[in-house]
PDB file of all heavy atoms in Angstrom:
ATOM      1  N   ALA A   1      16.095   9.491 -22.628  1.00  0.00           N
ATOM      2  CA  ALA A   1      15.846  10.218 -21.360  1.00  0.00           C
ATOM      3  C   ALA A   1      15.005  11.460 -21.623  1.00  0.00           C
ATOM      4  O   ALA A   1      15.315  12.244 -22.523  1.00  0.00           O
ATOM      5  CB  ALA A   1      17.169  10.607 -20.726  1.00  0.00           C
ATOM      6  N   LYS A   2      13.901  11.550 -20.834  1.00  0.00           N
ATOM      7  CA  LYS A   2      13.004  12.709 -20.995  1.00  0.00           C
ATOM      8  C   LYS A   2      13.572  13.910 -20.252  1.00  0.00           C
ATOM      9  O   LYS A   2      14.071  13.780 -19.142  1.00  0.00           O
ATOM     10  CB  LYS A   2      11.613  12.388 -20.443  1.00  0.00           C
ATOM     11  CG  LYS A   2      10.852  11.398 -21.306  1.00  0.00           C
ATOM     12  CD  LYS A   2       9.477  11.145 -20.691  1.00  0.00           C
ATOM     13  CE  LYS A   2       8.720  10.121 -21.527  1.00  0.00           C
ATOM     14  NZ  LYS A   2       7.398   9.842 -20.904  1.00  0.00           N
ATOM     15  N   LYS A   3      13.485  15.026 -20.894  1.00  0.00           N
ATOM     16  CA  LYS A   3      13.963  16.248 -20.244  1.00  0.00           C
ATOM     17  C   LYS A   3      12.879  16.789 -19.310  1.00  0.00           C
ATOM     18  O   LYS A   3      11.723  16.923 -19.707  1.00  0.00           O
ATOM     19  CB  LYS A   3      14.305  17.303 -21.303  1.00  0.00           C
ATOM     20  CG  LYS A   3      15.577  17.022 -22.045  1.00  0.00           C
ATOM     21  CD  LYS A   3      15.905  18.154 -23.005  1.00  0.00           C
ATOM     22  CE  LYS A   3      17.198  17.889 -23.743  1.00  0.00           C
ATOM     23  NZ  LYS A   3      17.511  19.000 -24.686  1.00  0.00           N
ATOM     24  N   LYS A   4      13.290  17.033 -18.045  1.00  0.00           N
ATOM     25  CA  LYS A   4      12.345  17.595 -17.069  1.00  0.00           C
ATOM     26  C   LYS A   4      12.203  19.094 -17.304  1.00  0.00           C
ATOM     27  O   LYS A   4      13.205  19.783 -17.480  1.00  0.00           O
ATOM     28  CB  LYS A   4      12.833  17.339 -15.640  1.00  0.00           C
ATOM     29  CG  LYS A   4      12.740  15.889 -15.217  1.00  0.00           C
ATOM     30  CD  LYS A   4      13.201  15.708 -13.800  1.00  0.00           C
ATOM     31  CE  LYS A   4      13.116  14.232 -13.394  1.00  0.00           C
ATOM     32  NZ  LYS A   4      13.603  14.030 -12.009  1.00  0.00           N
ATOM     33  N   PRO A   5      10.952  19.550 -17.280  1.00  0.00           N
ATOM     34  CA  PRO A   5      10.771  21.005 -17.487  1.00  0.00           C
ATOM     35  C   PRO A   5      11.311  21.769 -16.291  1.00  0.00           C
ATOM     36  O   PRO A   5      11.064  21.416 -15.132  1.00  0.00           O
ATOM     37  CB  PRO A   5       9.248  21.161 -17.607  1.00  0.00           C
ATOM     38  CG  PRO A   5       8.676  19.965 -16.938  1.00  0.00           C
ATOM     39  CD  PRO A   5       9.665  18.865 -17.106  1.00  0.00           C
ATOM     40  N   GLU A   6      12.096  22.778 -16.559  1.00  0.00           N
ATOM     41  CA  GLU A   6      12.706  23.570 -15.476  1.00  0.00           C
ATOM     42  C   GLU A   6      11.649  24.444 -14.811  1.00  0.00           C
ATOM     43  O   GLU A   6      10.807  25.045 -15.475  1.00  0.00           O
ATOM     44  CB  GLU A   6      13.828  24.452 -16.033  1.00  0.00           C
ATOM     45  CG  GLU A   6      15.034  23.653 -16.476  1.00  0.00           C
ATOM     46  CD  GLU A   6      16.144  24.561 -16.993  1.00  0.00           C
ATOM     47  OE1 GLU A   6      15.938  25.796 -16.934  1.00  0.00           O
ATOM     48  OE2 GLU A   6      17.168  24.040 -17.415  1.00  0.00           O
ATOM     49  N   LYS A   7      11.704  24.459 -13.456  1.00  0.00           N
ATOM     50  CA  LYS A   7      10.755  25.275 -12.696  1.00  0.00           C
ATOM     51  C   LYS A   7      11.151  26.741 -12.793  1.00  0.00           C
ATOM     52  O   LYS A   7      12.330  27.091 -12.653  1.00  0.00           O
ATOM     53  CB  LYS A   7      10.732  24.851 -11.223  1.00  0.00           C
ATOM     54  CG  LYS A   7       9.986  23.558 -10.982  1.00  0.00           C
ATOM     55  CD  LYS A   7       9.920  23.263  -9.507  1.00  0.00           C
ATOM     56  CE  LYS A   7       9.164  21.962  -9.264  1.00  0.00           C
ATOM     57  NZ  LYS A   7       9.118  21.622  -7.820  1.00  0.00           N
ATOM     58  N   VAL A   8      10.135  27.539 -12.992  1.00  0.00           N
ATOM     59  CA  VAL A   8      10.380  28.987 -13.065  1.00  0.00           C
ATOM     60  C   VAL A   8      10.424  29.525 -11.644  1.00  0.00           C
ATOM     61  O   VAL A   8       9.446  29.418 -10.902  1.00  0.00           O
ATOM     62  CB  VAL A   8       9.259  29.697 -13.875  1.00  0.00           C
ATOM     63  CG1 VAL A   8       9.518  31.198 -13.934  1.00  0.00           C
ATOM     64  CG2 VAL A   8       9.171  29.109 -15.270  1.00  0.00           C
ATOM     65  N   VAL A   9      11.572  30.033 -11.239  1.00  0.00           N
ATOM     66  CA  VAL A   9      11.762  30.555  -9.886  1.00  0.00           C
ATOM     67  C   VAL A   9      11.559  32.053  -9.896  1.00  0.00           C
ATOM     68  O   VAL A   9      12.161  32.772 -10.707  1.00  0.00           O
ATOM     69  CB  VAL A   9      13.168  30.207  -9.343  1.00  0.00           C
ATOM     70  CG1 VAL A   9      13.363  30.753  -7.926  1.00  0.00           C
ATOM     71  CG2 VAL A   9      13.401  28.715  -9.385  1.00  0.00           C
ATOM     72  N   ASN A  10      10.651  32.477  -8.985  1.00  0.00           N
ATOM     73  CA  ASN A  10      10.405  33.913  -8.862  1.00  0.00           C
ATOM     74  C   ASN A  10      11.494  34.524  -8.000  1.00  0.00           C
ATOM     75  O   ASN A  10      11.663  34.127  -6.847  1.00  0.00           O
ATOM     76  CB  ASN A  10       9.017  34.135  -8.236  1.00  0.00           C
ATOM     77  CG  ASN A  10       8.558  35.577  -8.369  1.00  0.00           C
ATOM     78  OD1 ASN A  10       9.359  36.487  -8.555  1.00  0.00           O
ATOM     79  ND2 ASN A  10       7.248  35.773  -8.271  1.00  0.00           N
ATOM     80  N   PRO A  11      12.241  35.479  -8.516  1.00  0.00           N
ATOM     81  CA  PRO A  11      13.340  36.053  -7.714  1.00  0.00           C
ATOM     82  C   PRO A  11      12.849  36.843  -6.491  1.00  0.00           C
ATOM     83  O   PRO A  11      13.603  37.058  -5.547  1.00  0.00           O
ATOM     84  CB  PRO A  11      14.065  36.955  -8.705  1.00  0.00           C
ATOM     85  CG  PRO A  11      13.052  37.280  -9.752  1.00  0.00           C
ATOM     86  CD  PRO A  11      12.147  36.089  -9.849  1.00  0.00           C
ATOM     87  N   LEU A  12      11.563  37.257  -6.508  1.00  0.00           N
ATOM     88  CA  LEU A  12      11.033  38.040  -5.372  1.00  0.00           C
ATOM     89  C   LEU A  12      10.807  37.176  -4.138  1.00  0.00           C
ATOM     90  O   LEU A  12      10.900  37.646  -3.013  1.00  0.00           O
ATOM     91  CB  LEU A  12       9.707  38.709  -5.776  1.00  0.00           C
ATOM     92  CG  LEU A  12       9.800  39.765  -6.882  1.00  0.00           C
ATOM     93  CD1 LEU A  12       8.417  40.215  -7.282  1.00  0.00           C
ATOM     94  CD2 LEU A  12      10.614  40.971  -6.414  1.00  0.00           C
ATOM     95  N   PHE A  13      10.464  35.890  -4.363  1.00  0.00           N
ATOM     96  CA  PHE A  13      10.178  34.979  -3.249  1.00  0.00           C
ATOM     97  C   PHE A  13      11.291  33.940  -3.140  1.00  0.00           C
ATOM     98  O   PHE A  13      11.296  32.952  -3.861  1.00  0.00           O
ATOM     99  CB  PHE A  13       8.824  34.286  -3.451  1.00  0.00           C
ATOM    100  CG  PHE A  13       7.682  35.253  -3.554  1.00  0.00           C
ATOM    101  CD1 PHE A  13       7.122  35.540  -4.787  1.00  0.00           C
ATOM    102  CD2 PHE A  13       7.195  35.888  -2.426  1.00  0.00           C
ATOM    103  CE1 PHE A  13       6.085  36.439  -4.895  1.00  0.00           C
ATOM    104  CE2 PHE A  13       6.156  36.780  -2.521  1.00  0.00           C
ATOM    105  CZ  PHE A  13       5.594  37.076  -3.759  1.00  0.00           C
ATOM    106  N   GLU A  14      12.215  34.208  -2.258  1.00  0.00           N
ATOM    107  CA  GLU A  14      13.348  33.302  -2.078  1.00  0.00           C
ATOM    108  C   GLU A  14      12.985  32.219  -1.064  1.00  0.00           C
ATOM    109  O   GLU A  14      12.375  32.492  -0.032  1.00  0.00           O
ATOM    110  CB  GLU A  14      14.549  34.103  -1.570  1.00  0.00           C
ATOM    111  CG  GLU A  14      15.854  33.334  -1.642  1.00  0.00           C
ATOM    112  CD  GLU A  14      17.031  34.158  -1.140  1.00  0.00           C
ATOM    113  OE1 GLU A  14      16.960  35.404  -1.194  1.00  0.00           O
ATOM    114  OE2 GLU A  14      17.990  33.543  -0.670  1.00  0.00           O
ATOM    115  N   LYS A  15      13.343  30.968  -1.340  1.00  0.00           N
ATOM    116  CA  LYS A  15      13.041  29.853  -0.450  1.00  0.00           C
ATOM    117  C   LYS A  15      14.041  29.834   0.694  1.00  0.00           C
ATOM    118  O   LYS A  15      15.251  29.761   0.484  1.00  0.00           O
ATOM    119  CB  LYS A  15      13.107  28.543  -1.236  1.00  0.00           C
ATOM    120  CG  LYS A  15      12.460  27.367  -0.516  1.00  0.00           C
ATOM    121  CD  LYS A  15      12.488  26.135  -1.373  1.00  0.00           C
ATOM    122  CE  LYS A  15      11.821  24.986  -0.651  1.00  0.00           C
ATOM    123  NZ  LYS A  15      11.883  23.742  -1.435  1.00  0.00           N
ATOM    124  N   ARG A  16      13.475  29.927   1.919  1.00  0.00           N
ATOM    125  CA  ARG A  16      14.347  29.898   3.109  1.00  0.00           C
ATOM    126  C   ARG A  16      13.846  28.802   4.048  1.00  0.00           C
ATOM    127  O   ARG A  16      13.004  29.058   4.921  1.00  0.00           O
ATOM    128  CB  ARG A  16      14.310  31.233   3.839  1.00  0.00           C
ATOM    129  CG  ARG A  16      14.868  32.385   3.043  1.00  0.00           C
ATOM    130  CD  ARG A  16      15.072  33.595   3.963  1.00  0.00           C
ATOM    131  NE  ARG A  16      15.319  34.773   3.177  1.00  0.00           N
ATOM    132  CZ  ARG A  16      14.388  35.643   2.795  1.00  0.00           C
ATOM    133  NH1 ARG A  16      13.125  35.420   3.122  1.00  0.00           N
ATOM    134  NH2 ARG A  16      14.698  36.706   2.101  1.00  0.00           N
ATOM    135  N   PRO A  17      14.296  27.573   3.904  1.00  0.00           N
ATOM    136  CA  PRO A  17      13.828  26.498   4.802  1.00  0.00           C
ATOM    137  C   PRO A  17      14.320  26.720   6.236  1.00  0.00           C
ATOM    138  O   PRO A  17      15.456  27.142   6.458  1.00  0.00           O
ATOM    139  CB  PRO A  17      14.439  25.229   4.200  1.00  0.00           C
ATOM    140  CG  PRO A  17      15.598  25.704   3.392  1.00  0.00           C
ATOM    141  CD  PRO A  17      15.283  27.084   2.925  1.00  0.00           C
ATOM    142  N   LYS A  18      13.433  26.420   7.203  1.00  0.00           N
ATOM    143  CA  LYS A  18      13.783  26.622   8.613  1.00  0.00           C
ATOM    144  C   LYS A  18      14.659  25.491   9.122  1.00  0.00           C
ATOM    145  O   LYS A  18      14.458  24.340   8.762  1.00  0.00           O
ATOM    146  CB  LYS A  18      12.507  26.700   9.466  1.00  0.00           C
ATOM    147  CG  LYS A  18      11.763  28.007   9.313  1.00  0.00           C
ATOM    148  CD  LYS A  18      10.588  28.055  10.270  1.00  0.00           C
ATOM    149  CE  LYS A  18       9.857  29.377  10.159  1.00  0.00           C
ATOM    150  NZ  LYS A  18       8.713  29.464  11.073  1.00  0.00           N
ATOM    151  N   GLN A  19      15.622  25.860   9.974  1.00  0.00           N
ATOM    152  CA  GLN A  19      16.478  24.866  10.623  1.00  0.00           C
ATOM    153  C   GLN A  19      16.062  24.776  12.096  1.00  0.00           C
ATOM    154  O   GLN A  19      16.176  25.751  12.842  1.00  0.00           O
ATOM    155  CB  GLN A  19      17.951  25.288  10.524  1.00  0.00           C
ATOM    156  CG  GLN A  19      18.467  25.426   9.101  1.00  0.00           C
ATOM    157  CD  GLN A  19      18.509  24.089   8.375  1.00  0.00           C
ATOM    158  OE1 GLN A  19      18.777  23.059   8.981  1.00  0.00           O
ATOM    159  NE2 GLN A  19      18.237  24.115   7.079  1.00  0.00           N
ATOM    160  N   PHE A  20      15.563  23.586  12.500  1.00  0.00           N
ATOM    161  CA  PHE A  20      15.048  23.421  13.857  1.00  0.00           C
ATOM    162  C   PHE A  20      16.090  22.872  14.815  1.00  0.00           C
ATOM    163  O   PHE A  20      15.775  22.292  15.826  1.00  0.00           O
ATOM    164  CB  PHE A  20      13.818  22.496  13.845  1.00  0.00           C
ATOM    165  CG  PHE A  20      12.646  23.071  13.111  1.00  0.00           C
ATOM    166  CD1 PHE A  20      12.142  22.434  11.986  1.00  0.00           C
ATOM    167  CD2 PHE A  20      12.061  24.257  13.525  1.00  0.00           C
ATOM    168  CE1 PHE A  20      11.072  22.961  11.300  1.00  0.00           C
ATOM    169  CE2 PHE A  20      10.983  24.789  12.846  1.00  0.00           C
ATOM    170  CZ  PHE A  20      10.479  24.147  11.728  1.00  0.00           C
ATOM    171  N   GLY A  21      17.351  23.043  14.503  1.00  0.00           N
ATOM    172  CA  GLY A  21      18.416  22.555  15.389  1.00  0.00           C
ATOM    173  C   GLY A  21      18.597  23.458  16.587  1.00  0.00           C
ATOM    174  O   GLY A  21      17.845  24.416  16.816  1.00  0.00           O
ATOM    175  N   ILE A  22      19.637  23.184  17.385  1.00  0.00           N
ATOM    176  CA  ILE A  22      19.936  23.992  18.573  1.00  0.00           C
ATOM    177  C   ILE A  22      20.344  25.388  18.116  1.00  0.00           C
ATOM    178  O   ILE A  22      21.218  25.539  17.262  1.00  0.00           O
ATOM    179  CB  ILE A  22      21.042  23.341  19.428  1.00  0.00           C
ATOM    180  CG1 ILE A  22      20.541  22.009  19.996  1.00  0.00           C
ATOM    181  CG2 ILE A  22      21.484  24.263  20.567  1.00  0.00           C
ATOM    182  CD1 ILE A  22      21.624  21.118  20.534  1.00  0.00           C
ATOM    183  N   GLY A  23      19.688  26.372  18.685  1.00  0.00           N
ATOM    184  CA  GLY A  23      19.973  27.765  18.320  1.00  0.00           C
ATOM    185  C   GLY A  23      19.291  28.192  17.038  1.00  0.00           C
ATOM    186  O   GLY A  23      19.496  29.315  16.573  1.00  0.00           O
ATOM    187  N   GLY A  24      18.484  27.298  16.447  1.00  0.00           N
ATOM    188  CA  GLY A  24      17.796  27.628  15.199  1.00  0.00           C
ATOM    189  C   GLY A  24      16.396  28.170  15.448  1.00  0.00           C
ATOM    190  O   GLY A  24      16.110  28.763  16.491  1.00  0.00           O
ATOM    191  N   ALA A  25      15.539  27.923  14.473  1.00  0.00           N
ATOM    192  CA  ALA A  25      14.164  28.417  14.559  1.00  0.00           C
ATOM    193  C   ALA A  25      13.373  27.649  15.619  1.00  0.00           C
ATOM    194  O   ALA A  25      13.687  26.493  15.927  1.00  0.00           O
ATOM    195  CB  ALA A  25      13.484  28.276  13.199  1.00  0.00           C
ATOM    196  N   LEU A  26      12.382  28.314  16.174  1.00  0.00           N
ATOM    197  CA  LEU A  26      11.531  27.669  17.182  1.00  0.00           C
ATOM    198  C   LEU A  26      10.591  26.675  16.506  1.00  0.00           C
ATOM    199  O   LEU A  26      10.012  26.977  15.458  1.00  0.00           O
ATOM    200  CB  LEU A  26      10.694  28.715  17.930  1.00  0.00           C
ATOM    201  CG  LEU A  26      11.474  29.668  18.841  1.00  0.00           C
ATOM    202  CD1 LEU A  26      10.573  30.805  19.289  1.00  0.00           C
ATOM    203  CD2 LEU A  26      12.021  28.932  20.043  1.00  0.00           C
ATOM    204  N   PRO A  27      10.438  25.483  17.078  1.00  0.00           N
ATOM    205  CA  PRO A  27       9.538  24.493  16.466  1.00  0.00           C
ATOM    206  C   PRO A  27       8.079  24.925  16.575  1.00  0.00           C
ATOM    207  O   PRO A  27       7.728  25.709  17.466  1.00  0.00           O
ATOM    208  CB  PRO A  27       9.789  23.217  17.284  1.00  0.00           C
ATOM    209  CG  PRO A  27      10.335  23.699  18.579  1.00  0.00           C
ATOM    210  CD  PRO A  27      11.052  24.969  18.304  1.00  0.00           C
ATOM    211  N   PRO A  28       7.202  24.425  15.695  1.00  0.00           N
ATOM    212  CA  PRO A  28       5.780  24.788  15.782  1.00  0.00           C
ATOM    213  C   PRO A  28       5.155  24.265  17.074  1.00  0.00           C
ATOM    214  O   PRO A  28       5.560  23.228  17.600  1.00  0.00           O
ATOM    215  CB  PRO A  28       5.151  24.116  14.560  1.00  0.00           C
ATOM    216  CG  PRO A  28       6.109  23.060  14.154  1.00  0.00           C
ATOM    217  CD  PRO A  28       7.463  23.532  14.564  1.00  0.00           C
ATOM    218  N   LYS A  29       4.163  24.985  17.587  1.00  0.00           N
ATOM    219  CA  LYS A  29       3.552  24.623  18.870  1.00  0.00           C
ATOM    220  C   LYS A  29       2.741  23.346  18.742  1.00  0.00           C
ATOM    221  O   LYS A  29       1.987  23.170  17.802  1.00  0.00           O
ATOM    222  CB  LYS A  29       2.663  25.765  19.367  1.00  0.00           C
ATOM    223  CG  LYS A  29       3.448  26.934  19.925  1.00  0.00           C
ATOM    224  CD  LYS A  29       2.538  27.970  20.544  1.00  0.00           C
ATOM    225  CE  LYS A  29       3.366  29.098  21.148  1.00  0.00           C
ATOM    226  NZ  LYS A  29       2.488  30.138  21.742  1.00  0.00           N
ATOM    227  N   LYS A  30       2.910  22.466  19.737  1.00  0.00           N
ATOM    228  CA  LYS A  30       2.168  21.202  19.776  1.00  0.00           C
ATOM    229  C   LYS A  30       1.142  21.260  20.907  1.00  0.00           C
ATOM    230  O   LYS A  30       1.320  22.015  21.862  1.00  0.00           O
ATOM    231  CB  LYS A  30       3.126  20.026  20.030  1.00  0.00           C
ATOM    232  CG  LYS A  30       4.051  19.735  18.868  1.00  0.00           C
ATOM    233  CD  LYS A  30       4.966  18.582  19.220  1.00  0.00           C
ATOM    234  CE  LYS A  30       5.960  18.293  18.110  1.00  0.00           C
ATOM    235  NZ  LYS A  30       6.884  17.213  18.477  1.00  0.00           N
ATOM    236  N   ASP A  31       0.122  20.454  20.803  1.00  0.00           N
ATOM    237  CA  ASP A  31      -0.870  20.346  21.869  1.00  0.00           C
ATOM    238  C   ASP A  31      -0.333  19.370  22.917  1.00  0.00           C
ATOM    239  O   ASP A  31      -0.339  18.162  22.716  1.00  0.00           O
ATOM    240  CB  ASP A  31      -2.209  19.857  21.307  1.00  0.00           C
ATOM    241  CG  ASP A  31      -3.284  19.802  22.381  1.00  0.00           C
ATOM    242  OD1 ASP A  31      -3.087  20.431  23.436  1.00  0.00           O
ATOM    243  OD2 ASP A  31      -4.310  19.127  22.175  1.00  0.00           O
ATOM    244  N   LEU A  32       0.149  19.915  24.017  1.00  0.00           N
ATOM    245  CA  LEU A  32       0.762  19.111  25.086  1.00  0.00           C
ATOM    246  C   LEU A  32      -0.228  18.826  26.219  1.00  0.00           C
ATOM    247  O   LEU A  32       0.184  18.531  27.343  1.00  0.00           O
ATOM    248  CB  LEU A  32       1.994  19.826  25.641  1.00  0.00           C
ATOM    249  CG  LEU A  32       3.084  20.159  24.624  1.00  0.00           C
ATOM    250  CD1 LEU A  32       4.161  21.002  25.261  1.00  0.00           C
ATOM    251  CD2 LEU A  32       3.704  18.887  24.040  1.00  0.00           C
ATOM    252  N   HIS A  33      -1.516  18.925  25.924  1.00  0.00           N
ATOM    253  CA  HIS A  33      -2.565  18.772  26.934  1.00  0.00           C
ATOM    254  C   HIS A  33      -2.479  17.428  27.646  1.00  0.00           C
ATOM    255  O   HIS A  33      -2.651  17.338  28.852  1.00  0.00           O
ATOM    256  CB  HIS A  33      -3.925  18.923  26.250  1.00  0.00           C
ATOM    257  CG  HIS A  33      -5.073  18.969  27.187  1.00  0.00           C
ATOM    258  ND1 HIS A  33      -5.753  17.841  27.565  1.00  0.00           N
ATOM    259  CD2 HIS A  33      -5.643  20.006  27.833  1.00  0.00           C
ATOM    260  CE1 HIS A  33      -6.711  18.189  28.404  1.00  0.00           C
ATOM    261  NE2 HIS A  33      -6.679  19.486  28.580  1.00  0.00           N
ATOM    262  N   ARG A  34      -2.185  16.371  26.883  1.00  0.00           N
ATOM    263  CA  ARG A  34      -2.149  15.020  27.457  1.00  0.00           C
ATOM    264  C   ARG A  34      -0.893  14.772  28.286  1.00  0.00           C
ATOM    265  O   ARG A  34      -0.842  13.837  29.084  1.00  0.00           O
ATOM    266  CB  ARG A  34      -2.234  13.968  26.353  1.00  0.00           C
ATOM    267  CG  ARG A  34      -3.623  13.855  25.739  1.00  0.00           C
ATOM    268  CD  ARG A  34      -3.629  12.835  24.635  1.00  0.00           C
ATOM    269  NE  ARG A  34      -3.329  11.489  25.115  1.00  0.00           N
ATOM    270  CZ  ARG A  34      -4.195  10.660  25.676  1.00  0.00           C
ATOM    271  NH1 ARG A  34      -5.443  11.042  25.834  1.00  0.00           N
ATOM    272  NH2 ARG A  34      -3.840   9.469  26.087  1.00  0.00           N
ATOM    273  N   PHE A  35       0.145  15.594  28.099  1.00  0.00           N
ATOM    274  CA  PHE A  35       1.420  15.372  28.791  1.00  0.00           C
ATOM    275  C   PHE A  35       1.558  16.226  30.053  1.00  0.00           C
ATOM    276  O   PHE A  35       2.540  16.129  30.768  1.00  0.00           O
ATOM    277  CB  PHE A  35       2.584  15.670  27.848  1.00  0.00           C
ATOM    278  CG  PHE A  35       2.520  14.891  26.563  1.00  0.00           C
ATOM    279  CD1 PHE A  35       2.059  15.471  25.397  1.00  0.00           C
ATOM    280  CD2 PHE A  35       2.880  13.556  26.546  1.00  0.00           C
ATOM    281  CE1 PHE A  35       1.973  14.748  24.221  1.00  0.00           C
ATOM    282  CE2 PHE A  35       2.801  12.817  25.374  1.00  0.00           C
ATOM    283  CZ  PHE A  35       2.346  13.416  24.207  1.00  0.00           C
ATOM    284  N   VAL A  36       0.556  17.082  30.315  1.00  0.00           N
ATOM    285  CA  VAL A  36       0.619  17.957  31.487  1.00  0.00           C
ATOM    286  C   VAL A  36       0.347  17.139  32.744  1.00  0.00           C
ATOM    287  O   VAL A  36      -0.561  16.306  32.763  1.00  0.00           O
ATOM    288  CB  VAL A  36      -0.429  19.091  31.379  1.00  0.00           C
ATOM    289  CG1 VAL A  36      -0.448  19.950  32.642  1.00  0.00           C
ATOM    290  CG2 VAL A  36      -0.137  19.969  30.174  1.00  0.00           C
ATOM    291  N   LYS A  37       1.123  17.380  33.793  1.00  0.00           N
ATOM    292  CA  LYS A  37       0.849  16.740  35.080  1.00  0.00           C
ATOM    293  C   LYS A  37      -0.093  17.661  35.846  1.00  0.00           C
ATOM    294  O   LYS A  37       0.328  18.666  36.427  1.00  0.00           O
ATOM    295  CB  LYS A  37       2.135  16.500  35.866  1.00  0.00           C
ATOM    296  CG  LYS A  37       1.880  15.640  37.099  1.00  0.00           C
ATOM    297  CD  LYS A  37       3.143  15.233  37.808  1.00  0.00           C
ATOM    298  CE  LYS A  37       2.795  14.322  38.978  1.00  0.00           C
ATOM    299  NZ  LYS A  37       3.979  13.942  39.752  1.00  0.00           N
ATOM    300  N   TRP A  38      -1.381  17.310  35.801  1.00  0.00           N
ATOM    301  CA  TRP A  38      -2.400  18.157  36.411  1.00  0.00           C
ATOM    302  C   TRP A  38      -2.377  18.015  37.928  1.00  0.00           C
ATOM    303  O   TRP A  38      -1.979  16.965  38.443  1.00  0.00           O
ATOM    304  CB  TRP A  38      -3.792  17.784  35.877  1.00  0.00           C
ATOM    305  CG  TRP A  38      -3.932  18.042  34.425  1.00  0.00           C
ATOM    306  CD1 TRP A  38      -3.804  17.152  33.419  1.00  0.00           C
ATOM    307  CD2 TRP A  38      -4.202  19.307  33.811  1.00  0.00           C
ATOM    308  NE1 TRP A  38      -3.985  17.760  32.199  1.00  0.00           N
ATOM    309  CE2 TRP A  38      -4.219  19.081  32.418  1.00  0.00           C
ATOM    310  CE3 TRP A  38      -4.434  20.586  34.292  1.00  0.00           C
ATOM    311  CZ2 TRP A  38      -4.470  20.102  31.503  1.00  0.00           C
ATOM    312  CZ3 TRP A  38      -4.672  21.607  33.389  1.00  0.00           C
ATOM    313  CH2 TRP A  38      -4.685  21.365  32.011  1.00  0.00           C
ATOM    314  N   PRO A  39      -2.825  19.047  38.650  1.00  0.00           N
ATOM    315  CA  PRO A  39      -2.885  18.942  40.125  1.00  0.00           C
ATOM    316  C   PRO A  39      -3.802  17.802  40.565  1.00  0.00           C
ATOM    317  O   PRO A  39      -4.720  17.416  39.840  1.00  0.00           O
ATOM    318  CB  PRO A  39      -3.468  20.298  40.553  1.00  0.00           C
ATOM    319  CG  PRO A  39      -3.251  21.203  39.404  1.00  0.00           C
ATOM    320  CD  PRO A  39      -3.216  20.370  38.176  1.00  0.00           C
ATOM    321  N   LYS A  40      -3.552  17.297  41.742  1.00  0.00           N
ATOM    322  CA  LYS A  40      -4.292  16.138  42.258  1.00  0.00           C
ATOM    323  C   LYS A  40      -5.795  16.427  42.336  1.00  0.00           C
ATOM    324  O   LYS A  40      -6.618  15.559  42.038  1.00  0.00           O
ATOM    325  CB  LYS A  40      -3.763  15.786  43.653  1.00  0.00           C
ATOM    326  CG  LYS A  40      -4.166  14.400  44.130  1.00  0.00           C
ATOM    327  CD  LYS A  40      -3.372  13.324  43.426  1.00  0.00           C
ATOM    328  CE  LYS A  40      -3.728  11.938  43.947  1.00  0.00           C
ATOM    329  NZ  LYS A  40      -3.114  10.878  43.138  1.00  0.00           N
TER     330      LYS A  40
END
């Protein structure tokens, strides 16, 4: 078994993954142009 080289983690930059659940982070903006119900 080959030993995987350990990643060097910088303590200054902590990884904080976003949670897009209810009450969590806001999702990224999408282009909703095609879904808009335009006036007649």
